[in-house]
Amino acid sequence: EEELHKRIIGQDEAIISISKAIRRARAGMKSPKRPIGSFIFLGPTGVGKTELARTLAEFLFGVSNVVMNLLDG
């Protein structure tokens, strides 16, 4: 959570929710056969959705380019 807060400003609620899911997964409180979570970031342009996703990917996987984009269509 601290690492996400260092790079992301103004997304406290999203960071807290994501951090809780990661803690549950790493504490063994979820099935290892299931994903850590499915996160959809919504909001207007410029609020930090993409940066939050990239920072999370970098924290979890060591690289920021594993973010999956869904295009309307």
PDB file of N, CA and C in Angstrom:
ATOM      1  N   GLU A   1       0.831  -1.191   0.000  1.00  0.00           N
ATOM      2  CA  GLU A   1       0.000   0.000   0.000  1.00  0.00           C
ATOM      3  C   GLU A   1       0.875   1.254   0.000  1.00  0.00           C
ATOM      4  N   GLU A   2       1.927   1.239   0.794  1.00  0.00           N
ATOM      5  CA  GLU A   2       2.825   2.393   0.853  1.00  0.00           C
ATOM      6  C   GLU A   2       3.486   2.655  -0.494  1.00  0.00           C
ATOM      7  N   GLU A   3       3.879   1.584  -1.182  1.00  0.00           N
ATOM      8  CA  GLU A   3       4.521   1.743  -2.487  1.00  0.00           C
ATOM      9  C   GLU A   3       3.573   2.385  -3.495  1.00  0.00           C
ATOM     10  N   LEU A   4       2.311   1.991  -3.470  1.00  0.00           N
ATOM     11  CA  LEU A   4       1.331   2.586  -4.388  1.00  0.00           C
ATOM     12  C   LEU A   4       1.106   4.054  -4.044  1.00  0.00           C
ATOM     13  N   HIS A   5       1.022   4.369  -2.748  1.00  0.00           N
ATOM     14  CA  HIS A   5       0.801   5.757  -2.325  1.00  0.00           C
ATOM     15  C   HIS A   5       1.976   6.666  -2.698  1.00  0.00           C
ATOM     16  N   LYS A   6       3.167   6.104  -2.804  1.00  0.00           N
ATOM     17  CA  LYS A   6       4.333   6.916  -3.176  1.00  0.00           C
ATOM     18  C   LYS A   6       4.201   7.474  -4.589  1.00  0.00           C
ATOM     19  N   ARG A   7       3.568   6.712  -5.483  1.00  0.00           N
ATOM     20  CA  ARG A   7       3.479   7.121  -6.891  1.00  0.00           C
ATOM     21  C   ARG A   7       2.108   7.620  -7.313  1.00  0.00           C
ATOM     22  N   ILE A   8       1.077   7.296  -6.564  1.00  0.00           N
ATOM     23  CA  ILE A   8      -0.289   7.643  -6.957  1.00  0.00           C
ATOM     24  C   ILE A   8      -0.872   8.625  -5.949  1.00  0.00           C
ATOM     25  N   ILE A   9      -1.407   9.723  -6.453  1.00  0.00           N
ATOM     26  CA  ILE A   9      -2.010  10.749  -5.603  1.00  0.00           C
ATOM     27  C   ILE A   9      -3.496  10.819  -5.913  1.00  0.00           C
ATOM     28  N   GLY A  10      -4.324  10.878  -4.882  1.00  0.00           N
ATOM     29  CA  GLY A  10      -5.754  11.088  -5.064  1.00  0.00           C
ATOM     30  C   GLY A  10      -6.567   9.847  -5.372  1.00  0.00           C
ATOM     31  N   GLN A  11      -5.990   8.675  -5.217  1.00  0.00           N
ATOM     32  CA  GLN A  11      -6.714   7.429  -5.482  1.00  0.00           C
ATOM     33  C   GLN A  11      -6.712   6.551  -4.229  1.00  0.00           C
ATOM     34  N   ASP A  12      -6.899   7.168  -3.077  1.00  0.00           N
ATOM     35  CA  ASP A  12      -6.799   6.457  -1.801  1.00  0.00           C
ATOM     36  C   ASP A  12      -7.758   5.279  -1.702  1.00  0.00           C
ATOM     37  N   GLU A  13      -9.008   5.478  -2.075  1.00  0.00           N
ATOM     38  CA  GLU A  13     -10.004   4.406  -1.965  1.00  0.00           C
ATOM     39  C   GLU A  13      -9.631   3.210  -2.846  1.00  0.00           C
ATOM     40  N   ALA A  14      -9.192   3.478  -4.058  1.00  0.00           N
ATOM     41  CA  ALA A  14      -8.794   2.395  -4.967  1.00  0.00           C
ATOM     42  C   ALA A  14      -7.566   1.667  -4.433  1.00  0.00           C
ATOM     43  N   ILE A  15      -6.592   2.404  -3.942  1.00  0.00           N
ATOM     44  CA  ILE A  15      -5.371   1.794  -3.411  1.00  0.00           C
ATOM     45  C   ILE A  15      -5.681   0.919  -2.206  1.00  0.00           C
ATOM     46  N   ILE A  16      -6.551   1.376  -1.331  1.00  0.00           N
ATOM     47  CA  ILE A  16      -6.925   0.592  -0.151  1.00  0.00           C
ATOM     48  C   ILE A  16      -7.618  -0.699  -0.565  1.00  0.00           C
ATOM     49  N   SER A  17      -8.546  -0.627  -1.512  1.00  0.00           N
ATOM     50  CA  SER A  17      -9.259  -1.826  -1.976  1.00  0.00           C
ATOM     51  C   SER A  17      -8.314  -2.834  -2.620  1.00  0.00           C
ATOM     52  N   ILE A  18      -7.432  -2.351  -3.465  1.00  0.00           N
ATOM     53  CA  ILE A  18      -6.469  -3.229  -4.131  1.00  0.00           C
ATOM     54  C   ILE A  18      -5.531  -3.855  -3.106  1.00  0.00           C
ATOM     55  N   SER A  19      -5.064  -3.054  -2.170  1.00  0.00           N
ATOM     56  CA  SER A  19      -4.140  -3.546  -1.146  1.00  0.00           C
ATOM     57  C   SER A  19      -4.765  -4.634  -0.292  1.00  0.00           C
ATOM     58  N   LYS A  20      -6.034  -4.478   0.031  1.00  0.00           N
ATOM     59  CA  LYS A  20      -6.730  -5.512   0.814  1.00  0.00           C
ATOM     60  C   LYS A  20      -6.776  -6.830   0.054  1.00  0.00           C
ATOM     61  N   ALA A  21      -7.067  -6.767  -1.238  1.00  0.00           N
ATOM     62  CA  ALA A  21      -7.126  -7.986  -2.057  1.00  0.00           C
ATOM     63  C   ALA A  21      -5.759  -8.661  -2.128  1.00  0.00           C
ATOM     64  N   ILE A  22      -4.711  -7.873  -2.280  1.00  0.00           N
ATOM     65  CA  ILE A  22      -3.360  -8.432  -2.352  1.00  0.00           C
ATOM     66  C   ILE A  22      -2.969  -9.052  -1.013  1.00  0.00           C
ATOM     67  N   ARG A  23      -3.288  -8.379   0.077  1.00  0.00           N
ATOM     68  CA  ARG A  23      -2.976  -8.936   1.404  1.00  0.00           C
ATOM     69  C   ARG A  23      -3.688 -10.265   1.630  1.00  0.00           C
ATOM     70  N   ARG A  24      -4.969 -10.335   1.266  1.00  0.00           N
ATOM     71  CA  ARG A  24      -5.716 -11.593   1.424  1.00  0.00           C
ATOM     72  C   ARG A  24      -5.059 -12.713   0.626  1.00  0.00           C
ATOM     73  N   ALA A  25      -4.662 -12.408  -0.591  1.00  0.00           N
ATOM     74  CA  ALA A  25      -4.044 -13.425  -1.451  1.00  0.00           C
ATOM     75  C   ALA A  25      -2.718 -13.897  -0.874  1.00  0.00           C
ATOM     76  N   ARG A  26      -1.912 -12.974  -0.422  1.00  0.00           N
ATOM     77  CA  ARG A  26      -0.584 -13.330   0.088  1.00  0.00           C
ATOM     78  C   ARG A  26      -0.650 -13.975   1.469  1.00  0.00           C
ATOM     79  N   ALA A  27      -1.736 -13.751   2.190  1.00  0.00           N
ATOM     80  CA  ALA A  27      -1.903 -14.364   3.512  1.00  0.00           C
ATOM     81  C   ALA A  27      -2.507 -15.760   3.407  1.00  0.00           C
ATOM     82  N   GLY A  28      -2.844 -16.174   2.189  1.00  0.00           N
ATOM     83  CA  GLY A  28      -3.416 -17.502   1.984  1.00  0.00           C
ATOM     84  C   GLY A  28      -4.895 -17.577   2.297  1.00  0.00           C
ATOM     85  N   MET A  29      -5.575 -16.449   2.318  1.00  0.00           N
ATOM     86  CA  MET A  29      -6.997 -16.408   2.650  1.00  0.00           C
ATOM     87  C   MET A  29      -7.898 -16.537   1.427  1.00  0.00           C
ATOM     88  N   LYS A  30      -7.339 -16.889   0.300  1.00  0.00           N
ATOM     89  CA  LYS A  30      -8.129 -17.102  -0.903  1.00  0.00           C
ATOM     90  C   LYS A  30      -7.616 -18.344  -1.604  1.00  0.00           C
ATOM     91  N   SER A  31      -8.419 -18.876  -2.454  1.00  0.00           N
ATOM     92  CA  SER A  31      -8.036 -20.078  -3.190  1.00  0.00           C
ATOM     93  C   SER A  31      -6.883 -19.767  -4.142  1.00  0.00           C
ATOM     94  N   PRO A  32      -5.824 -20.569  -4.126  1.00  0.00           N
ATOM     95  CA  PRO A  32      -4.711 -20.321  -5.048  1.00  0.00           C
ATOM     96  C   PRO A  32      -5.088 -20.564  -6.508  1.00  0.00           C
ATOM     97  N   LYS A  33      -6.227 -21.180  -6.734  1.00  0.00           N
ATOM     98  CA  LYS A  33      -6.684 -21.440  -8.101  1.00  0.00           C
ATOM     99  C   LYS A  33      -7.427 -20.244  -8.697  1.00  0.00           C
ATOM    100  N   ARG A  34      -7.699 -19.257  -7.873  1.00  0.00           N
ATOM    101  CA  ARG A  34      -8.459 -18.096  -8.334  1.00  0.00           C
ATOM    102  C   ARG A  34      -7.544 -16.885  -8.441  1.00  0.00           C
ATOM    103  N   PRO A  35      -7.886 -15.936  -9.307  1.00  0.00           N
ATOM    104  CA  PRO A  35      -7.057 -14.727  -9.427  1.00  0.00           C
ATOM    105  C   PRO A  35      -7.122 -13.877  -8.162  1.00  0.00           C
ATOM    106  N   ILE A  36      -6.127 -13.033  -7.981  1.00  0.00           N
ATOM    107  CA  ILE A  36      -6.110 -12.117  -6.838  1.00  0.00           C
ATOM    108  C   ILE A  36      -7.328 -11.214  -6.894  1.00  0.00           C
ATOM    109  N   GLY A  37      -7.675 -10.759  -8.074  1.00  0.00           N
ATOM    110  CA  GLY A  37      -8.826  -9.877  -8.215  1.00  0.00           C
ATOM    111  C   GLY A  37      -8.988  -9.431  -9.653  1.00  0.00           C
ATOM    112  N   SER A  38     -10.103  -8.820  -9.905  1.00  0.00           N
ATOM    113  CA  SER A  38     -10.385  -8.232 -11.200  1.00  0.00           C
ATOM    114  C   SER A  38     -10.746  -6.777 -10.928  1.00  0.00           C
ATOM    115  N   PHE A  39      -9.956  -5.869 -11.427  1.00  0.00           N
ATOM    116  CA  PHE A  39     -10.121  -4.464 -11.095  1.00  0.00           C
ATOM    117  C   PHE A  39     -10.473  -3.670 -12.342  1.00  0.00           C
ATOM    118  N   ILE A  40     -11.492  -2.854 -12.244  1.00  0.00           N
ATOM    119  CA  ILE A  40     -11.888  -1.957 -13.326  1.00  0.00           C
ATOM    120  C   ILE A  40     -11.789  -0.540 -12.776  1.00  0.00           C
ATOM    121  N   PHE A  41     -10.942   0.261 -13.377  1.00  0.00           N
ATOM    122  CA  PHE A  41     -10.743   1.629 -12.929  1.00  0.00           C
ATOM    123  C   PHE A  41     -11.566   2.555 -13.813  1.00  0.00           C
ATOM    124  N   LEU A  42     -12.468   3.287 -13.204  1.00  0.00           N
ATOM    125  CA  LEU A  42     -13.357   4.187 -13.930  1.00  0.00           C
ATOM    126  C   LEU A  42     -13.128   5.621 -13.481  1.00  0.00           C
ATOM    127  N   GLY A  43     -13.346   6.548 -14.384  1.00  0.00           N
ATOM    128  CA  GLY A  43     -13.250   7.954 -14.034  1.00  0.00           C
ATOM    129  C   GLY A  43     -12.861   8.770 -15.247  1.00  0.00           C
ATOM    130  N   PRO A  44     -12.903  10.084 -15.092  1.00  0.00           N
ATOM    131  CA  PRO A  44     -12.567  10.964 -16.209  1.00  0.00           C
ATOM    132  C   PRO A  44     -11.075  10.908 -16.540  1.00  0.00           C
ATOM    133  N   THR A  45     -10.739  11.446 -17.678  1.00  0.00           N
ATOM    134  CA  THR A  45      -9.355  11.506 -18.134  1.00  0.00           C
ATOM    135  C   THR A  45      -8.502  12.274 -17.131  1.00  0.00           C
ATOM    136  N   GLY A  46      -7.311  11.739 -16.876  1.00  0.00           N
ATOM    137  CA  GLY A  46      -6.346  12.468 -16.060  1.00  0.00           C
ATOM    138  C   GLY A  46      -6.402  12.239 -14.569  1.00  0.00           C
ATOM    139  N   VAL A  47      -7.188  11.277 -14.099  1.00  0.00           N
ATOM    140  CA  VAL A  47      -7.280  11.061 -12.649  1.00  0.00           C
ATOM    141  C   VAL A  47      -6.302  10.004 -12.139  1.00  0.00           C
ATOM    142  N   GLY A  48      -5.600   9.305 -13.034  1.00  0.00           N
ATOM    143  CA  GLY A  48      -4.577   8.361 -12.613  1.00  0.00           C
ATOM    144  C   GLY A  48      -4.917   6.897 -12.757  1.00  0.00           C
ATOM    145  N   LYS A  49      -5.923   6.581 -13.559  1.00  0.00           N
ATOM    146  CA  LYS A  49      -6.330   5.173 -13.729  1.00  0.00           C
ATOM    147  C   LYS A  49      -5.206   4.340 -14.333  1.00  0.00           C
ATOM    148  N   THR A  50      -4.653   4.808 -15.420  1.00  0.00           N
ATOM    149  CA  THR A  50      -3.600   4.058 -16.102  1.00  0.00           C
ATOM    150  C   THR A  50      -2.344   3.994 -15.244  1.00  0.00           C
ATOM    151  N   GLU A  51      -1.990   5.082 -14.611  1.00  0.00           N
ATOM    152  CA  GLU A  51      -0.796   5.089 -13.761  1.00  0.00           C
ATOM    153  C   GLU A  51      -0.960   4.134 -12.583  1.00  0.00           C
ATOM    154  N   LEU A  52      -2.149   4.067 -12.025  1.00  0.00           N
ATOM    155  CA  LEU A  52      -2.410   3.115 -10.942  1.00  0.00           C
ATOM    156  C   LEU A  52      -2.253   1.684 -11.444  1.00  0.00           C
ATOM    157  N   ALA A  53      -2.798   1.380 -12.605  1.00  0.00           N
ATOM    158  CA  ALA A  53      -2.682   0.035 -13.173  1.00  0.00           C
ATOM    159  C   ALA A  53      -1.224  -0.312 -13.468  1.00  0.00           C
ATOM    160  N   ARG A  54      -0.478   0.621 -14.018  1.00  0.00           N
ATOM    161  CA  ARG A  54       0.939   0.370 -14.319  1.00  0.00           C
ATOM    162  C   ARG A  54       1.757   0.186 -13.044  1.00  0.00           C
ATOM    163  N   THR A  55       1.495   1.001 -12.052  1.00  0.00           N
ATOM    164  CA  THR A  55       2.213   0.891 -10.784  1.00  0.00           C
ATOM    165  C   THR A  55       1.907  -0.433 -10.108  1.00  0.00           C
ATOM    166  N   LEU A  56       0.656  -0.840 -10.144  1.00  0.00           N
ATOM    167  CA  LEU A  56       0.262  -2.124  -9.568  1.00  0.00           C
ATOM    168  C   LEU A  56       0.952  -3.276 -10.301  1.00  0.00           C
ATOM    169  N   ALA A  57       0.978  -3.231 -11.630  1.00  0.00           N
ATOM    170  CA  ALA A  57       1.636  -4.276 -12.419  1.00  0.00           C
ATOM    171  C   ALA A  57       3.127  -4.335 -12.108  1.00  0.00           C
ATOM    172  N   GLU A  58       3.744  -3.181 -11.981  1.00  0.00           N
ATOM    173  CA  GLU A  58       5.171  -3.143 -11.662  1.00  0.00           C
ATOM    174  C   GLU A  58       5.434  -3.730 -10.275  1.00  0.00           C
ATOM    175  N   PHE A  59       4.572  -3.427  -9.325  1.00  0.00           N
ATOM    176  CA  PHE A  59       4.717  -3.960  -7.965  1.00  0.00           C
ATOM    177  C   PHE A  59       4.537  -5.476  -7.949  1.00  0.00           C
ATOM    178  N   LEU A  60       3.530  -5.973  -8.652  1.00  0.00           N
ATOM    179  CA  LEU A  60       3.224  -7.405  -8.619  1.00  0.00           C
ATOM    180  C   LEU A  60       4.135  -8.244  -9.513  1.00  0.00           C
ATOM    181  N   PHE A  61       4.458  -7.730 -10.707  1.00  0.00           N
ATOM    182  CA  PHE A  61       5.153  -8.535 -11.706  1.00  0.00           C
ATOM    183  C   PHE A  61       6.548  -8.038 -12.066  1.00  0.00           C
ATOM    184  N   GLY A  62       6.924  -6.876 -11.559  1.00  0.00           N
ATOM    185  CA  GLY A  62       8.245  -6.344 -11.855  1.00  0.00           C
ATOM    186  C   GLY A  62       8.345  -5.563 -13.147  1.00  0.00           C
ATOM    187  N   VAL A  63       7.288  -5.549 -13.934  1.00  0.00           N
ATOM    188  CA  VAL A  63       7.252  -4.777 -15.179  1.00  0.00           C
ATOM    189  C   VAL A  63       5.900  -4.078 -15.283  1.00  0.00           C
ATOM    190  N   SER A  64       5.888  -2.921 -15.928  1.00  0.00           N
ATOM    191  CA  SER A  64       4.645  -2.155 -15.995  1.00  0.00           C
ATOM    192  C   SER A  64       3.875  -2.362 -17.289  1.00  0.00           C
ATOM    193  N   ASN A  65       4.420  -3.126 -18.225  1.00  0.00           N
ATOM    194  CA  ASN A  65       3.763  -3.248 -19.532  1.00  0.00           C
ATOM    195  C   ASN A  65       2.879  -4.485 -19.644  1.00  0.00           C
ATOM    196  N   VAL A  66       2.444  -5.055 -18.542  1.00  0.00           N
ATOM    197  CA  VAL A  66       1.558  -6.220 -18.588  1.00  0.00           C
ATOM    198  C   VAL A  66       0.095  -5.830 -18.379  1.00  0.00           C
ATOM    199  N   VAL A  67      -0.178  -4.537 -18.426  1.00  0.00           N
ATOM    200  CA  VAL A  67      -1.536  -4.046 -18.223  1.00  0.00           C
ATOM    201  C   VAL A  67      -2.390  -4.392 -19.432  1.00  0.00           C
ATOM    202  N   MET A  68      -3.583  -4.882 -19.168  1.00  0.00           N
ATOM    203  CA  MET A  68      -4.503  -5.262 -20.235  1.00  0.00           C
ATOM    204  C   MET A  68      -5.505  -4.137 -20.459  1.00  0.00           C
ATOM    205  N   ASN A  69      -5.591  -3.655 -21.677  1.00  0.00           N
ATOM    206  CA  ASN A  69      -6.549  -2.614 -22.018  1.00  0.00           C
ATOM    207  C   ASN A  69      -7.746  -3.231 -22.714  1.00  0.00           C
ATOM    208  N   LEU A  70      -8.921  -2.814 -22.320  1.00  0.00           N
ATOM    209  CA  LEU A  70     -10.146  -3.254 -22.976  1.00  0.00           C
ATOM    210  C   LEU A  70     -10.697  -2.088 -23.773  1.00  0.00           C
ATOM    211  N   LEU A  71     -10.860  -2.288 -25.050  1.00  0.00           N
ATOM    212  CA  LEU A  71     -11.401  -1.242 -25.908  1.00  0.00           C
ATOM    213  C   LEU A  71     -12.878  -1.500 -26.128  1.00  0.00           C
ATOM    214  N   ASP A  72     -13.651  -0.413 -26.207  1.00  0.00           N
ATOM    215  CA  ASP A  72     -15.080  -0.606 -26.458  1.00  0.00           C
ATOM    216  C   ASP A  72     -15.258  -1.150 -27.869  1.00  0.00           C
ATOM    217  N   GLY A  73     -16.024  -2.208 -27.973  1.00  0.00           N
ATOM    218  CA  GLY A  73     -16.231  -2.752 -29.295  1.00  0.00           C
ATOM    219  C   GLY A  73     -16.304  -4.188 -29.230  1.00  0.00           C
TER     220      GLY A  73
END
